[in-house]
Amino acid sequence: MPPQYRRYAPFILIAILLLFLLPVLRGSKSSSTLSSKDRAARTRDAVSKIDSGEQAYRTAHGRYTSHLADLVASTKGLGGDLAIGLSVQLDVSTDGQTYVAQVTSDVLSFVRGRTRGKITTSSCLRLKSGVDCVVAPTKKK
């Protein structure tokens, strides 16, 4: 290195260190968690997917299923929605013609019920402000 550049070497070294250390010291990191709006959207999607999965199961088997595993296996994308930490309670009547599903996240709680293909219960409770509590109705199959 020529002598005229050697006197700038410590300053260059300090600048390079600051360039790499400053972001670490500031704590700037990318967030790997979903926002409240994203969790609300995934919760709404899960309700719709469970509902359409139950309808498809009823069409194929003549009754609704009380097993979430049957719906996860047959409904594309439901497993991914559940992976964000949703709580799902699924109950089916003894004759298999009525079901009630409750899907809850930390921002929304939905209850959806059907009897013989018709929606009998559909309600939403907003647990955190700033999210929309509307779920699009699923068409009867």
C-alpha atoms as a PDB file:
ATOM      1  CA  MET A   1       0.000   0.000   0.000  1.00  0.00           C
ATOM      2  CA  PRO A   2       1.469   3.418  -0.908  1.00  0.00           C
ATOM      3  CA  PRO A   3       2.416   5.619   2.062  1.00  0.00           C
ATOM      4  CA  GLN A   4      -0.215   8.276   1.274  1.00  0.00           C
ATOM      5  CA  TYR A   5      -2.981   5.630   1.644  1.00  0.00           C
ATOM      6  CA  ARG A   6      -1.615   4.136   4.872  1.00  0.00           C
ATOM      7  CA  ARG A   7      -2.634   7.141   6.897  1.00  0.00           C
ATOM      8  CA  TYR A   8      -6.279   6.563   5.820  1.00  0.00           C
ATOM      9  CA  ALA A   9      -6.247   2.825   6.648  1.00  0.00           C
ATOM     10  CA  PRO A  10      -7.483   3.253  10.266  1.00  0.00           C
ATOM     11  CA  PHE A  11     -10.365   5.436   9.089  1.00  0.00           C
ATOM     12  CA  ILE A  12     -11.322   2.947   6.384  1.00  0.00           C
ATOM     13  CA  LEU A  13     -11.170   0.102   8.905  1.00  0.00           C
ATOM     14  CA  ILE A  14     -13.375   2.000  11.374  1.00  0.00           C
ATOM     15  CA  ALA A  15     -15.875   2.832   8.604  1.00  0.00           C
ATOM     16  CA  ILE A  16     -16.098  -0.811   7.549  1.00  0.00           C
ATOM     17  CA  LEU A  17     -16.574  -1.975  11.148  1.00  0.00           C
ATOM     18  CA  LEU A  18     -19.290   0.610  11.732  1.00  0.00           C
ATOM     19  CA  LEU A  19     -20.986  -0.407   8.510  1.00  0.00           C
ATOM     20  CA  PHE A  20     -21.345  -3.973   9.774  1.00  0.00           C
ATOM     21  CA  LEU A  21     -21.643  -3.407  13.529  1.00  0.00           C
ATOM     22  CA  LEU A  22     -24.086  -0.516  13.580  1.00  0.00           C
ATOM     23  CA  PRO A  23     -27.092  -2.539  12.335  1.00  0.00           C
ATOM     24  CA  VAL A  24     -26.332  -5.262  14.901  1.00  0.00           C
ATOM     25  CA  LEU A  25     -26.009  -2.764  17.734  1.00  0.00           C
ATOM     26  CA  ARG A  26     -29.201  -0.955  16.727  1.00  0.00           C
ATOM     27  CA  GLY A  27     -31.082  -4.228  16.862  1.00  0.00           C
ATOM     28  CA  SER A  28     -32.442  -3.931  13.363  1.00  0.00           C
ATOM     29  CA  LYS A  29     -33.744  -7.328  12.427  1.00  0.00           C
ATOM     30  CA  SER A  30     -36.467  -8.564  10.175  1.00  0.00           C
ATOM     31  CA  SER A  31     -39.645  -9.673  11.871  1.00  0.00           C
ATOM     32  CA  SER A  32     -40.671 -13.263  11.310  1.00  0.00           C
ATOM     33  CA  THR A  33     -44.083 -12.884  12.951  1.00  0.00           C
ATOM     34  CA  LEU A  34     -47.290 -12.097  11.144  1.00  0.00           C
ATOM     35  CA  SER A  35     -49.054  -8.798  11.657  1.00  0.00           C
ATOM     36  CA  SER A  36     -52.491  -8.681  13.249  1.00  0.00           C
ATOM     37  CA  LYS A  37     -54.111  -8.114   9.867  1.00  0.00           C
ATOM     38  CA  ASP A  38     -52.303 -11.118   8.393  1.00  0.00           C
ATOM     39  CA  ARG A  39     -53.336 -13.331  11.324  1.00  0.00           C
ATOM     40  CA  ALA A  40     -56.927 -12.128  10.940  1.00  0.00           C
ATOM     41  CA  ALA A  41     -56.864 -12.929   7.225  1.00  0.00           C
ATOM     42  CA  ARG A  42     -55.436 -16.410   7.881  1.00  0.00           C
ATOM     43  CA  THR A  43     -58.115 -16.983  10.547  1.00  0.00           C
ATOM     44  CA  ARG A  44     -60.860 -15.998   8.097  1.00  0.00           C
ATOM     45  CA  ASP A  45     -59.307 -18.264   5.467  1.00  0.00           C
ATOM     46  CA  ALA A  46     -59.253 -21.171   7.907  1.00  0.00           C
ATOM     47  CA  VAL A  47     -62.964 -20.707   8.692  1.00  0.00           C
ATOM     48  CA  SER A  48     -63.821 -20.701   5.004  1.00  0.00           C
ATOM     49  CA  LYS A  49     -61.607 -23.714   4.294  1.00  0.00           C
ATOM     50  CA  ILE A  50     -63.048 -25.710   7.190  1.00  0.00           C
ATOM     51  CA  ASP A  51     -66.556 -24.877   6.009  1.00  0.00           C
ATOM     52  CA  SER A  52     -65.893 -25.849   2.408  1.00  0.00           C
ATOM     53  CA  GLY A  53     -64.026 -28.954   3.580  1.00  0.00           C
ATOM     54  CA  GLU A  54     -66.975 -30.011   5.723  1.00  0.00           C
ATOM     55  CA  GLN A  55     -69.346 -29.505   2.805  1.00  0.00           C
ATOM     56  CA  ALA A  56     -67.124 -31.544   0.488  1.00  0.00           C
ATOM     57  CA  TYR A  57     -66.844 -34.290   3.118  1.00  0.00           C
ATOM     58  CA  ARG A  58     -70.631 -34.340   3.525  1.00  0.00           C
ATOM     59  CA  THR A  59     -71.076 -34.597  -0.244  1.00  0.00           C
ATOM     60  CA  ALA A  60     -68.666 -37.528  -0.398  1.00  0.00           C
ATOM     61  CA  HIS A  61     -69.727 -39.386   2.782  1.00  0.00           C
ATOM     62  CA  GLY A  62     -73.281 -38.256   3.512  1.00  0.00           C
ATOM     63  CA  ARG A  63     -72.326 -36.690   6.849  1.00  0.00           C
ATOM     64  CA  TYR A  64     -70.013 -34.085   8.359  1.00  0.00           C
ATOM     65  CA  THR A  65     -66.755 -35.146  10.002  1.00  0.00           C
ATOM     66  CA  SER A  66     -65.754 -34.414  13.580  1.00  0.00           C
ATOM     67  CA  HIS A  67     -62.078 -34.978  12.805  1.00  0.00           C
ATOM     68  CA  LEU A  68     -59.979 -32.010  11.803  1.00  0.00           C
ATOM     69  CA  ALA A  69     -57.431 -34.410  10.309  1.00  0.00           C
ATOM     70  CA  ASP A  70     -59.953 -35.417   7.630  1.00  0.00           C
ATOM     71  CA  LEU A  71     -60.299 -31.770   6.621  1.00  0.00           C
ATOM     72  CA  VAL A  72     -56.569 -30.996   6.678  1.00  0.00           C
ATOM     73  CA  ALA A  73     -55.901 -33.972   4.424  1.00  0.00           C
ATOM     74  CA  SER A  74     -58.531 -32.990   1.874  1.00  0.00           C
ATOM     75  CA  THR A  75     -58.467 -29.167   1.991  1.00  0.00           C
ATOM     76  CA  LYS A  76     -55.550 -27.441   0.301  1.00  0.00           C
ATOM     77  CA  GLY A  77     -53.865 -24.794   2.449  1.00  0.00           C
ATOM     78  CA  LEU A  78     -55.694 -25.522   5.695  1.00  0.00           C
ATOM     79  CA  GLY A  79     -52.606 -26.950   7.376  1.00  0.00           C
ATOM     80  CA  GLY A  80     -50.663 -23.770   6.640  1.00  0.00           C
ATOM     81  CA  ASP A  81     -53.404 -21.623   8.126  1.00  0.00           C
ATOM     82  CA  LEU A  82     -53.497 -23.748  11.262  1.00  0.00           C
ATOM     83  CA  ALA A  83     -49.719 -23.482  11.645  1.00  0.00           C
ATOM     84  CA  ILE A  84     -49.939 -19.853  12.786  1.00  0.00           C
ATOM     85  CA  GLY A  85     -51.362 -21.004  16.116  1.00  0.00           C
ATOM     86  CA  LEU A  86     -55.095 -21.217  15.556  1.00  0.00           C
ATOM     87  CA  SER A  87     -57.282 -23.064  17.995  1.00  0.00           C
ATOM     88  CA  VAL A  88     -60.004 -25.123  16.314  1.00  0.00           C
ATOM     89  CA  GLN A  89     -62.904 -26.836  18.026  1.00  0.00           C
ATOM     90  CA  LEU A  90     -65.058 -28.991  15.810  1.00  0.00           C
ATOM     91  CA  ASP A  91     -68.255 -30.689  16.938  1.00  0.00           C
ATOM     92  CA  VAL A  92     -70.638 -32.806  14.882  1.00  0.00           C
ATOM     93  CA  SER A  93     -74.081 -34.054  15.881  1.00  0.00           C
ATOM     94  CA  THR A  94     -74.655 -37.761  16.407  1.00  0.00           C
ATOM     95  CA  ASP A  95     -76.512 -38.100  13.101  1.00  0.00           C
ATOM     96  CA  GLY A  96     -73.689 -36.247  11.294  1.00  0.00           C
ATOM     97  CA  GLN A  97     -75.979 -33.680   9.692  1.00  0.00           C
ATOM     98  CA  THR A  98     -74.995 -30.685  11.843  1.00  0.00           C
ATOM     99  CA  TYR A  99     -71.583 -29.296  12.662  1.00  0.00           C
ATOM    100  CA  VAL A 100     -70.239 -26.336  14.618  1.00  0.00           C
ATOM    101  CA  ALA A 101     -66.682 -25.086  14.221  1.00  0.00           C
ATOM    102  CA  GLN A 102     -64.975 -22.483  16.380  1.00  0.00           C
ATOM    103  CA  VAL A 103     -61.718 -21.051  15.057  1.00  0.00           C
ATOM    104  CA  THR A 104     -59.813 -18.712  17.348  1.00  0.00           C
ATOM    105  CA  SER A 105     -56.599 -16.763  16.959  1.00  0.00           C
ATOM    106  CA  ASP A 106     -55.193 -14.038  19.169  1.00  0.00           C
ATOM    107  CA  VAL A 107     -57.058 -11.405  17.120  1.00  0.00           C
ATOM    108  CA  LEU A 108     -60.380 -13.017  16.061  1.00  0.00           C
ATOM    109  CA  SER A 109     -62.770 -15.769  17.064  1.00  0.00           C
ATOM    110  CA  PHE A 110     -65.249 -17.246  14.577  1.00  0.00           C
ATOM    111  CA  VAL A 111     -68.105 -19.682  15.046  1.00  0.00           C
ATOM    112  CA  ARG A 112     -69.693 -21.298  11.999  1.00  0.00           C
ATOM    113  CA  GLY A 113     -72.390 -23.942  12.003  1.00  0.00           C
ATOM    114  CA  ARG A 114     -74.364 -25.764   9.336  1.00  0.00           C
ATOM    115  CA  THR A 115     -77.317 -28.107   9.347  1.00  0.00           C
ATOM    116  CA  ARG A 116     -77.911 -30.138   6.198  1.00  0.00           C
ATOM    117  CA  GLY A 117     -75.931 -27.667   4.101  1.00  0.00           C
ATOM    118  CA  LYS A 118     -77.503 -24.436   5.384  1.00  0.00           C
ATOM    119  CA  ILE A 119     -75.622 -21.991   7.591  1.00  0.00           C
ATOM    120  CA  THR A 120     -77.312 -21.917  10.991  1.00  0.00           C
ATOM    121  CA  THR A 121     -74.688 -20.044  12.967  1.00  0.00           C
ATOM    122  CA  SER A 122     -72.130 -17.531  11.832  1.00  0.00           C
ATOM    123  CA  SER A 123     -70.617 -15.094  14.280  1.00  0.00           C
ATOM    124  CA  CYS A 124     -67.364 -13.287  14.800  1.00  0.00           C
ATOM    125  CA  LEU A 125     -65.753 -11.732  17.853  1.00  0.00           C
ATOM    126  CA  ARG A 126     -62.946  -9.234  17.405  1.00  0.00           C
ATOM    127  CA  LEU A 127     -60.353  -9.782  20.149  1.00  0.00           C
ATOM    128  CA  LYS A 128     -57.967  -7.055  19.030  1.00  0.00           C
ATOM    129  CA  SER A 129     -58.795  -3.666  17.553  1.00  0.00           C
ATOM    130  CA  GLY A 130     -57.680  -2.780  14.069  1.00  0.00           C
ATOM    131  CA  VAL A 131     -58.800  -5.988  12.367  1.00  0.00           C
ATOM    132  CA  ASP A 132     -61.868  -6.671  10.277  1.00  0.00           C
ATOM    133  CA  CYS A 133     -64.392  -9.191  11.583  1.00  0.00           C
ATOM    134  CA  VAL A 134     -66.064 -10.149   8.314  1.00  0.00           C
ATOM    135  CA  VAL A 135     -65.964 -13.599   6.752  1.00  0.00           C
ATOM    136  CA  ALA A 136     -67.312 -14.242   3.307  1.00  0.00           C
ATOM    137  CA  PRO A 137     -70.069 -16.858   3.322  1.00  0.00           C
ATOM    138  CA  THR A 138     -69.207 -20.130   1.655  1.00  0.00           C
ATOM    139  CA  LYS A 139     -71.560 -21.316  -1.058  1.00  0.00           C
ATOM    140  CA  LYS A 140     -73.645 -24.403  -0.522  1.00  0.00           C
ATOM    141  CA  LYS A 141     -72.434 -27.442  -2.429  1.00  0.00           C
END
